[in-house]
Amino acid sequence: MIILGGGIAFIWGLSTYIIETTSDEIYSEISDLPVTNTLIVLGASVHSDGKLSPILRDRVDTALEIYRSGRAKQFLLSGDNRRNDYDEVSAMKNYLLERDVPENLIFTDPAGLDTYDSMYRSDHVYKIPNAIIVTQKFHLPRTLFIAEGLGLDYIGFPAKERFYETENNLIRREKLANLKAVYEVLTKQTPKNMGEETPVGR
């Protein structure tokens, strides 16, 4: 029982540490964002008909709002396309194209299978030195913790606020995922799916 209690306390303490150490890199107003070349939008689930889930739609809508404000010039959409019948990045790209974003400003990373892979590949494959990451508020601290651990000069902006049916489970998952993030940052392992370097501009 003591060990269990200690483990829970450690997980909560780690979560607090990650939130506090990344808070200065999270912006709440678009007008306060520095002008940056690239928006990185992290993937989430898509429906079988190719429509974005509410979580993913909010990420892309927020990134689109930042782009239209002039604070960023292009998109890197990073998500899961490991199966032919499941494609987060194409769904995001189509959503942006339908909203009149020029195709030459949309870059896709189909091997962003998790947060660490997305951050690692944004640097080593796409050569992005600085960026604005768009994801939900509960996901941003871990994402930025990984980015900082990889030496990346990234900042974050939270996707539009709403309550999702699965949010409580996602928040609990984040606390456990923080343990994995520490391991990933310490080991800096190369993702299995790397491919050739594809610089997307600076």
N, C-alpha and C. Protein backbone atom coordinates (compact mmCIF):
# COMPACT_ATOMS: atom_id res chain seq x y z
N MET A 1 0.83 -1.20 0.00
CA MET A 1 0.00 0.00 0.00
C MET A 1 0.87 1.26 0.00
N ILE A 2 1.94 1.19 0.80
CA ILE A 2 2.86 2.34 0.86
C ILE A 2 3.52 2.56 -0.50
N ILE A 3 3.91 1.45 -1.13
CA ILE A 3 4.56 1.55 -2.44
C ILE A 3 3.60 2.13 -3.46
N LEU A 4 2.34 1.66 -3.42
CA LEU A 4 1.34 2.18 -4.34
C LEU A 4 1.13 3.67 -4.14
N GLY A 5 1.02 4.07 -2.87
CA GLY A 5 0.83 5.49 -2.57
C GLY A 5 2.01 6.32 -3.03
N GLY A 6 3.22 5.77 -2.84
CA GLY A 6 4.41 6.48 -3.28
C GLY A 6 4.46 6.63 -4.79
N GLY A 7 4.02 5.58 -5.49
CA GLY A 7 3.99 5.63 -6.95
C GLY A 7 3.03 6.67 -7.46
N ILE A 8 1.85 6.73 -6.86
CA ILE A 8 0.85 7.72 -7.26
C ILE A 8 1.36 9.13 -7.00
N ALA A 9 1.99 9.32 -5.84
CA ALA A 9 2.53 10.64 -5.50
C ALA A 9 3.62 11.05 -6.49
N PHE A 10 4.44 10.09 -6.89
CA PHE A 10 5.50 10.39 -7.85
C PHE A 10 4.92 10.81 -9.19
N ILE A 11 3.90 10.09 -9.66
CA ILE A 11 3.27 10.42 -10.94
C ILE A 11 2.66 11.81 -10.90
N TRP A 12 1.98 12.13 -9.82
CA TRP A 12 1.38 13.46 -9.69
C TRP A 12 2.46 14.54 -9.60
N GLY A 13 3.54 14.24 -8.86
CA GLY A 13 4.62 15.21 -8.74
C GLY A 13 5.30 15.46 -10.08
N LEU A 14 5.50 14.40 -10.85
CA LEU A 14 6.11 14.54 -12.17
C LEU A 14 5.22 15.37 -13.08
N SER A 15 3.92 15.12 -13.02
CA SER A 15 2.98 15.90 -13.83
C SER A 15 3.06 17.37 -13.49
N THR A 16 3.10 17.67 -12.19
CA THR A 16 3.20 19.07 -11.76
C THR A 16 4.49 19.70 -12.25
N TYR A 17 5.58 18.96 -12.16
CA TYR A 17 6.88 19.46 -12.61
C TYR A 17 6.86 19.79 -14.10
N ILE A 18 6.32 18.89 -14.90
CA ILE A 18 6.28 19.11 -16.35
C ILE A 18 5.39 20.29 -16.70
N ILE A 19 4.27 20.42 -16.02
CA ILE A 19 3.38 21.57 -16.27
C ILE A 19 4.08 22.88 -15.92
N GLU A 20 4.75 22.91 -14.79
CA GLU A 20 5.40 24.14 -14.34
C GLU A 20 6.59 24.51 -15.22
N THR A 21 7.36 23.54 -15.66
CA THR A 21 8.57 23.85 -16.43
C THR A 21 8.27 24.23 -17.88
N THR A 22 7.07 23.97 -18.34
CA THR A 22 6.73 24.31 -19.73
C THR A 22 5.73 25.46 -19.83
N SER A 23 5.26 25.95 -18.70
CA SER A 23 4.18 26.95 -18.71
C SER A 23 4.55 28.23 -19.45
N ASP A 24 5.81 28.62 -19.38
CA ASP A 24 6.23 29.87 -20.04
C ASP A 24 6.21 29.75 -21.56
N GLU A 25 6.17 28.53 -22.08
CA GLU A 25 6.18 28.33 -23.52
C GLU A 25 4.78 28.17 -24.10
N ILE A 26 3.76 28.29 -23.26
CA ILE A 26 2.37 28.13 -23.72
C ILE A 26 1.69 29.49 -23.76
N TYR A 27 1.18 29.86 -24.91
CA TYR A 27 0.51 31.15 -25.10
C TYR A 27 -1.00 30.95 -25.07
N SER A 28 -1.70 31.98 -24.63
CA SER A 28 -3.16 31.88 -24.54
C SER A 28 -3.87 32.85 -25.49
N GLU A 29 -3.13 33.80 -26.06
CA GLU A 29 -3.70 34.77 -26.99
C GLU A 29 -2.92 34.73 -28.30
N ILE A 30 -3.63 34.62 -29.38
CA ILE A 30 -2.96 34.59 -30.69
C ILE A 30 -2.15 35.86 -30.93
N SER A 31 -2.67 36.97 -30.47
CA SER A 31 -1.98 38.25 -30.69
C SER A 31 -0.63 38.31 -29.99
N ASP A 32 -0.41 37.46 -28.99
CA ASP A 32 0.86 37.45 -28.27
C ASP A 32 1.89 36.51 -28.90
N LEU A 33 1.47 35.69 -29.83
CA LEU A 33 2.39 34.73 -30.45
C LEU A 33 3.43 35.45 -31.31
N PRO A 34 4.69 35.05 -31.23
CA PRO A 34 5.68 35.58 -32.17
C PRO A 34 5.41 35.02 -33.56
N VAL A 35 5.77 35.77 -34.58
CA VAL A 35 5.62 35.28 -35.95
C VAL A 35 6.59 34.12 -36.16
N THR A 36 6.08 33.00 -36.58
CA THR A 36 6.85 31.77 -36.72
C THR A 36 6.53 31.15 -38.08
N ASN A 37 7.49 30.45 -38.63
CA ASN A 37 7.28 29.90 -39.97
C ASN A 37 6.26 28.76 -39.99
N THR A 38 6.33 27.87 -39.00
CA THR A 38 5.58 26.62 -39.11
C THR A 38 4.67 26.36 -37.92
N LEU A 39 3.46 25.92 -38.23
CA LEU A 39 2.53 25.38 -37.24
C LEU A 39 2.61 23.86 -37.31
N ILE A 40 2.83 23.22 -36.18
CA ILE A 40 2.80 21.76 -36.12
C ILE A 40 1.49 21.34 -35.47
N VAL A 41 0.68 20.62 -36.21
CA VAL A 41 -0.60 20.13 -35.69
C VAL A 41 -0.46 18.63 -35.45
N LEU A 42 -0.68 18.22 -34.21
CA LEU A 42 -0.53 16.81 -33.86
C LEU A 42 -1.83 16.06 -34.12
N GLY A 43 -1.70 14.87 -34.66
CA GLY A 43 -2.86 14.09 -35.05
C GLY A 43 -3.64 13.52 -33.87
N ALA A 44 -4.85 13.13 -34.17
CA ALA A 44 -5.74 12.43 -33.24
C ALA A 44 -6.70 11.62 -34.11
N SER A 45 -7.65 10.98 -33.50
CA SER A 45 -8.47 10.03 -34.24
C SER A 45 -9.32 10.69 -35.33
N VAL A 46 -9.53 9.93 -36.39
CA VAL A 46 -10.45 10.32 -37.46
C VAL A 46 -11.50 9.22 -37.60
N HIS A 47 -12.67 9.60 -38.09
CA HIS A 47 -13.76 8.64 -38.26
C HIS A 47 -13.54 7.84 -39.55
N SER A 48 -14.28 6.75 -39.67
CA SER A 48 -14.11 5.86 -40.82
C SER A 48 -14.44 6.55 -42.15
N ASP A 49 -15.25 7.61 -42.09
CA ASP A 49 -15.58 8.36 -43.31
C ASP A 49 -14.59 9.46 -43.62
N GLY A 50 -13.51 9.53 -42.83
CA GLY A 50 -12.47 10.53 -43.06
C GLY A 50 -12.69 11.85 -42.36
N LYS A 51 -13.80 11.98 -41.65
CA LYS A 51 -14.06 13.22 -40.92
C LYS A 51 -13.23 13.26 -39.63
N LEU A 52 -12.85 14.47 -39.25
CA LEU A 52 -12.03 14.65 -38.06
C LEU A 52 -12.88 14.44 -36.81
N SER A 53 -12.28 13.82 -35.80
CA SER A 53 -12.92 13.75 -34.50
C SER A 53 -12.99 15.16 -33.90
N PRO A 54 -13.85 15.40 -32.92
CA PRO A 54 -13.91 16.74 -32.31
C PRO A 54 -12.56 17.23 -31.81
N ILE A 55 -11.78 16.35 -31.20
CA ILE A 55 -10.47 16.75 -30.69
C ILE A 55 -9.57 17.21 -31.84
N LEU A 56 -9.53 16.45 -32.90
CA LEU A 56 -8.65 16.80 -34.02
C LEU A 56 -9.17 18.02 -34.77
N ARG A 57 -10.47 18.12 -34.93
CA ARG A 57 -11.04 19.30 -35.61
C ARG A 57 -10.70 20.57 -34.85
N ASP A 58 -10.75 20.52 -33.53
CA ASP A 58 -10.41 21.71 -32.74
C ASP A 58 -8.94 22.08 -32.91
N ARG A 59 -8.08 21.11 -33.03
CA ARG A 59 -6.66 21.40 -33.26
C ARG A 59 -6.46 22.09 -34.61
N VAL A 60 -7.07 21.53 -35.64
CA VAL A 60 -6.88 22.09 -36.98
C VAL A 60 -7.55 23.45 -37.09
N ASP A 61 -8.73 23.62 -36.51
CA ASP A 61 -9.40 24.92 -36.54
C ASP A 61 -8.57 25.99 -35.85
N THR A 62 -7.96 25.64 -34.72
CA THR A 62 -7.13 26.60 -34.00
C THR A 62 -5.89 26.96 -34.82
N ALA A 63 -5.26 25.97 -35.41
CA ALA A 63 -4.10 26.24 -36.26
C ALA A 63 -4.48 27.11 -37.44
N LEU A 64 -5.64 26.87 -38.01
CA LEU A 64 -6.12 27.67 -39.13
C LEU A 64 -6.32 29.12 -38.71
N GLU A 65 -6.84 29.32 -37.51
CA GLU A 65 -7.04 30.67 -37.00
C GLU A 65 -5.70 31.39 -36.82
N ILE A 66 -4.70 30.68 -36.32
CA ILE A 66 -3.37 31.27 -36.16
C ILE A 66 -2.78 31.61 -37.53
N TYR A 67 -2.91 30.71 -38.48
CA TYR A 67 -2.41 30.95 -39.84
C TYR A 67 -3.07 32.18 -40.45
N ARG A 68 -4.37 32.30 -40.32
CA ARG A 68 -5.08 33.44 -40.89
C ARG A 68 -4.73 34.74 -40.20
N SER A 69 -4.23 34.66 -38.97
CA SER A 69 -3.82 35.88 -38.26
C SER A 69 -2.48 36.40 -38.76
N GLY A 70 -1.76 35.58 -39.54
CA GLY A 70 -0.45 35.97 -40.04
C GLY A 70 0.69 35.60 -39.13
N ARG A 71 0.41 34.85 -38.06
CA ARG A 71 1.45 34.48 -37.10
C ARG A 71 2.26 33.26 -37.54
N ALA A 72 1.79 32.57 -38.55
CA ALA A 72 2.53 31.42 -39.09
C ALA A 72 2.25 31.31 -40.58
N LYS A 73 3.18 30.72 -41.30
CA LYS A 73 3.11 30.72 -42.77
C LYS A 73 2.74 29.37 -43.37
N GLN A 74 2.98 28.28 -42.65
CA GLN A 74 2.75 26.97 -43.23
C GLN A 74 2.42 25.96 -42.13
N PHE A 75 2.00 24.76 -42.56
CA PHE A 75 1.58 23.72 -41.64
C PHE A 75 2.43 22.46 -41.81
N LEU A 76 2.75 21.82 -40.70
CA LEU A 76 3.21 20.44 -40.71
C LEU A 76 2.17 19.63 -39.94
N LEU A 77 1.50 18.74 -40.63
CA LEU A 77 0.46 17.90 -40.04
C LEU A 77 1.09 16.55 -39.73
N SER A 78 1.17 16.21 -38.46
CA SER A 78 1.87 15.00 -38.05
C SER A 78 0.90 14.02 -37.41
N GLY A 79 0.81 12.82 -37.98
CA GLY A 79 -0.14 11.86 -37.44
C GLY A 79 0.10 10.45 -37.94
N ASP A 80 -0.87 9.62 -37.69
CA ASP A 80 -0.75 8.18 -37.93
C ASP A 80 -1.35 7.79 -39.29
N ASN A 81 -0.51 7.18 -40.12
CA ASN A 81 -0.98 6.62 -41.38
C ASN A 81 -0.29 5.27 -41.61
N ARG A 82 -0.23 4.48 -40.54
CA ARG A 82 0.49 3.21 -40.66
C ARG A 82 -0.33 2.14 -41.39
N ARG A 83 -1.66 2.40 -41.53
CA ARG A 83 -2.51 1.46 -42.25
C ARG A 83 -3.15 2.17 -43.44
N ASN A 84 -3.42 1.43 -44.50
CA ASN A 84 -4.03 2.02 -45.69
C ASN A 84 -5.43 2.54 -45.43
N ASP A 85 -6.11 1.94 -44.45
CA ASP A 85 -7.49 2.33 -44.17
C ASP A 85 -7.62 3.34 -43.04
N TYR A 86 -6.49 3.90 -42.61
CA TYR A 86 -6.53 4.90 -41.52
C TYR A 86 -5.48 5.96 -41.79
N ASP A 87 -5.90 7.20 -41.94
CA ASP A 87 -4.98 8.25 -42.39
C ASP A 87 -5.35 9.59 -41.76
N GLU A 88 -4.70 9.89 -40.64
CA GLU A 88 -4.97 11.15 -39.95
C GLU A 88 -4.49 12.35 -40.75
N VAL A 89 -3.32 12.25 -41.37
CA VAL A 89 -2.73 13.42 -42.01
C VAL A 89 -3.49 13.83 -43.27
N SER A 90 -3.94 12.87 -44.06
CA SER A 90 -4.72 13.23 -45.25
C SER A 90 -6.05 13.85 -44.86
N ALA A 91 -6.64 13.36 -43.79
CA ALA A 91 -7.90 13.94 -43.32
C ALA A 91 -7.70 15.39 -42.90
N MET A 92 -6.60 15.67 -42.20
CA MET A 92 -6.31 17.05 -41.81
C MET A 92 -6.02 17.91 -43.03
N LYS A 93 -5.24 17.37 -43.95
CA LYS A 93 -4.89 18.13 -45.16
C LYS A 93 -6.14 18.47 -45.96
N ASN A 94 -7.01 17.50 -46.16
CA ASN A 94 -8.24 17.76 -46.91
C ASN A 94 -9.10 18.82 -46.23
N TYR A 95 -9.13 18.78 -44.92
CA TYR A 95 -9.90 19.77 -44.16
C TYR A 95 -9.37 21.18 -44.42
N LEU A 96 -8.04 21.33 -44.45
CA LEU A 96 -7.45 22.64 -44.72
C LEU A 96 -7.65 23.06 -46.17
N LEU A 97 -7.52 22.13 -47.09
CA LEU A 97 -7.73 22.45 -48.51
C LEU A 97 -9.16 22.93 -48.75
N GLU A 98 -10.10 22.32 -48.07
CA GLU A 98 -11.50 22.74 -48.21
C GLU A 98 -11.74 24.15 -47.67
N ARG A 99 -10.78 24.63 -46.88
CA ARG A 99 -10.88 25.97 -46.30
C ARG A 99 -9.88 26.91 -46.94
N ASP A 100 -9.49 26.58 -48.16
CA ASP A 100 -8.73 27.47 -49.05
C ASP A 100 -7.29 27.73 -48.61
N VAL A 101 -6.70 26.80 -47.88
CA VAL A 101 -5.26 26.91 -47.60
C VAL A 101 -4.52 26.35 -48.81
N PRO A 102 -3.57 27.09 -49.39
CA PRO A 102 -2.83 26.59 -50.55
C PRO A 102 -2.10 25.28 -50.25
N GLU A 103 -2.15 24.36 -51.18
CA GLU A 103 -1.56 23.04 -50.94
C GLU A 103 -0.05 23.12 -50.71
N ASN A 104 0.61 24.10 -51.33
CA ASN A 104 2.06 24.20 -51.16
C ASN A 104 2.47 24.67 -49.77
N LEU A 105 1.50 25.05 -48.95
CA LEU A 105 1.79 25.46 -47.57
C LEU A 105 1.45 24.36 -46.56
N ILE A 106 1.06 23.20 -47.06
CA ILE A 106 0.67 22.10 -46.19
C ILE A 106 1.65 20.94 -46.39
N PHE A 107 2.38 20.60 -45.32
CA PHE A 107 3.30 19.47 -45.34
C PHE A 107 2.77 18.39 -44.39
N THR A 108 3.01 17.14 -44.74
CA THR A 108 2.45 16.06 -43.94
C THR A 108 3.54 15.10 -43.47
N ASP A 109 3.39 14.67 -42.23
CA ASP A 109 4.26 13.65 -41.64
C ASP A 109 3.39 12.44 -41.29
N PRO A 110 3.36 11.43 -42.16
CA PRO A 110 2.49 10.28 -41.93
C PRO A 110 3.03 9.29 -40.91
N ALA A 111 4.22 9.55 -40.37
CA ALA A 111 4.82 8.63 -39.41
C ALA A 111 4.92 9.25 -38.01
N GLY A 112 4.05 10.22 -37.74
CA GLY A 112 3.99 10.78 -36.39
C GLY A 112 3.10 9.88 -35.53
N LEU A 113 3.62 8.71 -35.20
CA LEU A 113 2.80 7.69 -34.54
C LEU A 113 2.53 8.00 -33.08
N ASP A 114 3.37 8.80 -32.48
CA ASP A 114 3.11 9.29 -31.12
C ASP A 114 3.78 10.64 -30.96
N THR A 115 3.62 11.24 -29.80
CA THR A 115 4.11 12.60 -29.59
C THR A 115 5.62 12.69 -29.76
N TYR A 116 6.34 11.73 -29.20
CA TYR A 116 7.80 11.75 -29.32
C TYR A 116 8.23 11.65 -30.78
N ASP A 117 7.65 10.72 -31.52
CA ASP A 117 8.01 10.57 -32.93
C ASP A 117 7.75 11.87 -33.70
N SER A 118 6.62 12.51 -33.42
CA SER A 118 6.29 13.77 -34.11
C SER A 118 7.34 14.84 -33.85
N MET A 119 7.75 14.97 -32.59
CA MET A 119 8.74 15.99 -32.24
C MET A 119 10.11 15.65 -32.83
N TYR A 120 10.52 14.40 -32.70
CA TYR A 120 11.82 13.99 -33.21
C TYR A 120 11.90 14.17 -34.73
N ARG A 121 10.87 13.75 -35.42
CA ARG A 121 10.85 13.83 -36.88
C ARG A 121 10.74 15.27 -37.37
N SER A 122 10.05 16.12 -36.62
CA SER A 122 9.95 17.52 -37.04
C SER A 122 11.33 18.17 -37.14
N ASP A 123 12.25 17.70 -36.32
CA ASP A 123 13.62 18.21 -36.33
C ASP A 123 14.49 17.44 -37.31
N HIS A 124 14.55 16.14 -37.18
CA HIS A 124 15.53 15.34 -37.93
C HIS A 124 15.11 15.08 -39.37
N VAL A 125 13.82 15.04 -39.64
CA VAL A 125 13.36 14.79 -41.01
C VAL A 125 12.97 16.10 -41.70
N TYR A 126 12.19 16.92 -41.01
CA TYR A 126 11.64 18.13 -41.65
C TYR A 126 12.44 19.39 -41.36
N LYS A 127 13.43 19.29 -40.48
CA LYS A 127 14.39 20.37 -40.24
C LYS A 127 13.70 21.68 -39.85
N ILE A 128 12.80 21.60 -38.89
CA ILE A 128 12.07 22.78 -38.43
C ILE A 128 12.72 23.28 -37.14
N PRO A 129 13.40 24.44 -37.18
CA PRO A 129 14.12 24.92 -36.00
C PRO A 129 13.23 25.53 -34.93
N ASN A 130 12.12 26.12 -35.35
CA ASN A 130 11.18 26.69 -34.37
C ASN A 130 9.78 26.57 -34.94
N ALA A 131 8.82 26.44 -34.03
CA ALA A 131 7.46 26.18 -34.48
C ALA A 131 6.47 26.49 -33.36
N ILE A 132 5.21 26.59 -33.76
CA ILE A 132 4.09 26.67 -32.83
C ILE A 132 3.38 25.33 -32.87
N ILE A 133 3.31 24.66 -31.74
CA ILE A 133 2.61 23.37 -31.66
C ILE A 133 1.17 23.62 -31.23
N VAL A 134 0.25 23.00 -31.93
CA VAL A 134 -1.17 23.13 -31.58
C VAL A 134 -1.72 21.77 -31.18
N THR A 135 -2.19 21.70 -29.94
CA THR A 135 -2.86 20.52 -29.42
C THR A 135 -3.67 20.96 -28.20
N GLN A 136 -4.35 20.02 -27.56
CA GLN A 136 -5.17 20.41 -26.41
C GLN A 136 -4.31 20.82 -25.22
N LYS A 137 -4.91 21.60 -24.34
CA LYS A 137 -4.21 22.14 -23.17
C LYS A 137 -3.61 21.03 -22.32
N PHE A 138 -4.33 19.92 -22.16
CA PHE A 138 -3.82 18.85 -21.30
C PHE A 138 -2.66 18.10 -21.95
N HIS A 139 -2.48 18.24 -23.26
CA HIS A 139 -1.43 17.54 -23.99
C HIS A 139 -0.18 18.40 -24.21
N LEU A 140 -0.34 19.71 -24.13
CA LEU A 140 0.77 20.61 -24.45
C LEU A 140 1.98 20.46 -23.53
N PRO A 141 1.81 20.37 -22.20
CA PRO A 141 3.01 20.29 -21.35
C PRO A 141 3.93 19.13 -21.71
N ARG A 142 3.37 17.94 -21.89
CA ARG A 142 4.21 16.79 -22.24
C ARG A 142 4.86 16.99 -23.60
N THR A 143 4.11 17.53 -24.54
CA THR A 143 4.66 17.76 -25.88
C THR A 143 5.84 18.72 -25.84
N LEU A 144 5.68 19.81 -25.11
CA LEU A 144 6.76 20.79 -25.00
C LEU A 144 7.93 20.26 -24.18
N PHE A 145 7.64 19.44 -23.18
CA PHE A 145 8.70 18.82 -22.40
C PHE A 145 9.58 17.95 -23.31
N ILE A 146 8.95 17.19 -24.17
CA ILE A 146 9.70 16.37 -25.12
C ILE A 146 10.48 17.26 -26.09
N ALA A 147 9.84 18.28 -26.62
CA ALA A 147 10.51 19.18 -27.56
C ALA A 147 11.73 19.83 -26.92
N GLU A 148 11.56 20.33 -25.71
CA GLU A 148 12.69 20.96 -25.01
C GLU A 148 13.79 19.94 -24.74
N GLY A 149 13.40 18.73 -24.38
CA GLY A 149 14.38 17.68 -24.13
C GLY A 149 15.18 17.32 -25.37
N LEU A 150 14.60 17.55 -26.53
CA LEU A 150 15.29 17.30 -27.80
C LEU A 150 16.02 18.54 -28.31
N GLY A 151 16.00 19.61 -27.51
CA GLY A 151 16.70 20.83 -27.88
C GLY A 151 15.98 21.69 -28.88
N LEU A 152 14.66 21.57 -28.97
CA LEU A 152 13.89 22.31 -29.96
C LEU A 152 13.31 23.59 -29.37
N ASP A 153 13.34 24.64 -30.18
CA ASP A 153 12.83 25.95 -29.75
C ASP A 153 11.37 26.08 -30.19
N TYR A 154 10.50 25.32 -29.56
CA TYR A 154 9.09 25.31 -29.92
C TYR A 154 8.25 25.94 -28.81
N ILE A 155 7.14 26.51 -29.21
CA ILE A 155 6.17 27.04 -28.26
C ILE A 155 4.83 26.36 -28.53
N GLY A 156 3.88 26.56 -27.63
CA GLY A 156 2.61 25.88 -27.79
C GLY A 156 1.42 26.81 -27.70
N PHE A 157 0.35 26.40 -28.36
CA PHE A 157 -0.92 27.13 -28.27
C PHE A 157 -2.03 26.09 -28.13
N PRO A 158 -2.89 26.25 -27.12
CA PRO A 158 -3.94 25.24 -26.89
C PRO A 158 -5.07 25.33 -27.89
N ALA A 159 -5.55 24.18 -28.31
CA ALA A 159 -6.72 24.13 -29.18
C ALA A 159 -7.93 24.65 -28.42
N LYS A 160 -8.94 25.02 -29.17
CA LYS A 160 -10.16 25.59 -28.59
C LYS A 160 -10.66 24.75 -27.42
N GLU A 161 -11.11 25.44 -26.38
CA GLU A 161 -11.56 24.76 -25.18
C GLU A 161 -12.98 24.22 -25.33
N ARG A 162 -13.14 22.98 -25.02
CA ARG A 162 -14.46 22.38 -24.87
C ARG A 162 -14.26 21.10 -24.06
N PHE A 163 -15.32 20.53 -23.54
CA PHE A 163 -15.18 19.28 -22.80
C PHE A 163 -15.48 18.12 -23.74
N TYR A 164 -14.56 17.17 -23.78
CA TYR A 164 -14.74 15.99 -24.63
C TYR A 164 -15.21 14.82 -23.77
N GLU A 165 -15.98 13.94 -24.36
CA GLU A 165 -16.51 12.79 -23.62
C GLU A 165 -15.39 11.95 -23.00
N THR A 166 -14.27 11.88 -23.67
CA THR A 166 -13.16 11.05 -23.19
C THR A 166 -12.10 11.86 -22.45
N GLU A 167 -12.38 13.12 -22.14
CA GLU A 167 -11.33 14.00 -21.61
C GLU A 167 -10.75 13.50 -20.29
N ASN A 168 -11.59 13.05 -19.37
CA ASN A 168 -11.07 12.59 -18.08
C ASN A 168 -10.11 11.43 -18.26
N ASN A 169 -10.45 10.52 -19.15
CA ASN A 169 -9.55 9.40 -19.43
C ASN A 169 -8.26 9.88 -20.08
N LEU A 170 -8.37 10.87 -20.96
CA LEU A 170 -7.18 11.41 -21.62
C LEU A 170 -6.25 12.10 -20.64
N ILE A 171 -6.82 12.80 -19.68
CA ILE A 171 -6.01 13.49 -18.67
C ILE A 171 -5.28 12.47 -17.81
N ARG A 172 -5.98 11.40 -17.42
CA ARG A 172 -5.32 10.35 -16.64
C ARG A 172 -4.21 9.69 -17.46
N ARG A 173 -4.48 9.49 -18.73
CA ARG A 173 -3.48 8.90 -19.61
C ARG A 173 -2.24 9.78 -19.71
N GLU A 174 -2.45 11.09 -19.76
CA GLU A 174 -1.32 12.02 -19.84
C GLU A 174 -0.38 11.87 -18.66
N LYS A 175 -0.94 11.70 -17.48
CA LYS A 175 -0.11 11.57 -16.28
C LYS A 175 0.79 10.34 -16.37
N LEU A 176 0.26 9.25 -16.88
CA LEU A 176 1.07 8.05 -17.06
C LEU A 176 2.06 8.23 -18.22
N ALA A 177 1.62 8.91 -19.26
CA ALA A 177 2.48 9.12 -20.43
C ALA A 177 3.68 9.99 -20.09
N ASN A 178 3.58 10.78 -19.03
CA ASN A 178 4.72 11.60 -18.61
C ASN A 178 5.92 10.73 -18.24
N LEU A 179 5.66 9.56 -17.67
CA LEU A 179 6.76 8.65 -17.34
C LEU A 179 7.49 8.22 -18.60
N LYS A 180 6.73 7.89 -19.62
CA LYS A 180 7.32 7.50 -20.90
C LYS A 180 8.09 8.66 -21.50
N ALA A 181 7.56 9.89 -21.35
CA ALA A 181 8.23 11.07 -21.91
C ALA A 181 9.60 11.27 -21.30
N VAL A 182 9.72 11.06 -19.99
CA VAL A 182 11.02 11.21 -19.33
C VAL A 182 12.01 10.20 -19.90
N TYR A 183 11.56 8.97 -20.06
CA TYR A 183 12.43 7.93 -20.64
C TYR A 183 12.85 8.31 -22.06
N GLU A 184 11.90 8.79 -22.84
CA GLU A 184 12.18 9.15 -24.23
C GLU A 184 13.20 10.28 -24.31
N VAL A 185 13.04 11.27 -23.45
CA VAL A 185 13.96 12.42 -23.46
C VAL A 185 15.36 12.00 -23.01
N LEU A 186 15.42 11.10 -22.05
CA LEU A 186 16.72 10.66 -21.55
C LEU A 186 17.45 9.78 -22.56
N THR A 187 16.72 8.94 -23.27
CA THR A 187 17.37 8.00 -24.19
C THR A 187 17.51 8.54 -25.61
N LYS A 188 16.59 9.44 -25.98
CA LYS A 188 16.62 10.05 -27.33
C LYS A 188 16.75 8.99 -28.43
N GLN A 189 15.94 7.98 -28.34
CA GLN A 189 15.98 6.92 -29.34
C GLN A 189 15.43 7.40 -30.68
N THR A 190 15.99 6.89 -31.75
CA THR A 190 15.52 7.23 -33.09
C THR A 190 14.26 6.44 -33.40
N PRO A 191 13.18 7.10 -33.83
CA PRO A 191 11.96 6.38 -34.21
C PRO A 191 12.24 5.35 -35.30
N LYS A 192 11.45 4.29 -35.32
CA LYS A 192 11.64 3.23 -36.31
C LYS A 192 11.41 3.74 -37.73
N ASN A 193 10.43 4.60 -37.89
CA ASN A 193 10.08 5.11 -39.22
C ASN A 193 10.68 6.50 -39.41
N MET A 194 11.80 6.59 -40.10
CA MET A 194 12.44 7.88 -40.30
C MET A 194 12.33 8.36 -41.75
N GLY A 195 12.82 7.59 -42.70
CA GLY A 195 12.77 8.02 -44.09
C GLY A 195 13.83 9.07 -44.38
N GLU A 196 13.75 9.64 -45.57
CA GLU A 196 14.73 10.63 -45.99
C GLU A 196 14.41 12.01 -45.43
N GLU A 197 15.45 12.82 -45.29
CA GLU A 197 15.25 14.19 -44.85
C GLU A 197 14.42 14.95 -45.88
N THR A 198 13.45 15.71 -45.37
CA THR A 198 12.57 16.49 -46.24
C THR A 198 12.40 17.89 -45.66
N PRO A 199 13.42 18.75 -45.79
CA PRO A 199 13.31 20.10 -45.22
C PRO A 199 12.11 20.84 -45.79
N VAL A 200 11.37 21.51 -44.92
CA VAL A 200 10.16 22.21 -45.37
C VAL A 200 10.33 23.72 -45.35
N GLY A 201 11.56 24.19 -45.21
CA GLY A 201 11.77 25.64 -45.22
C GLY A 201 11.88 26.20 -43.83
N ARG A 202 12.41 27.40 -43.78
CA ARG A 202 12.68 28.04 -42.49
C ARG A 202 11.98 29.38 -42.41
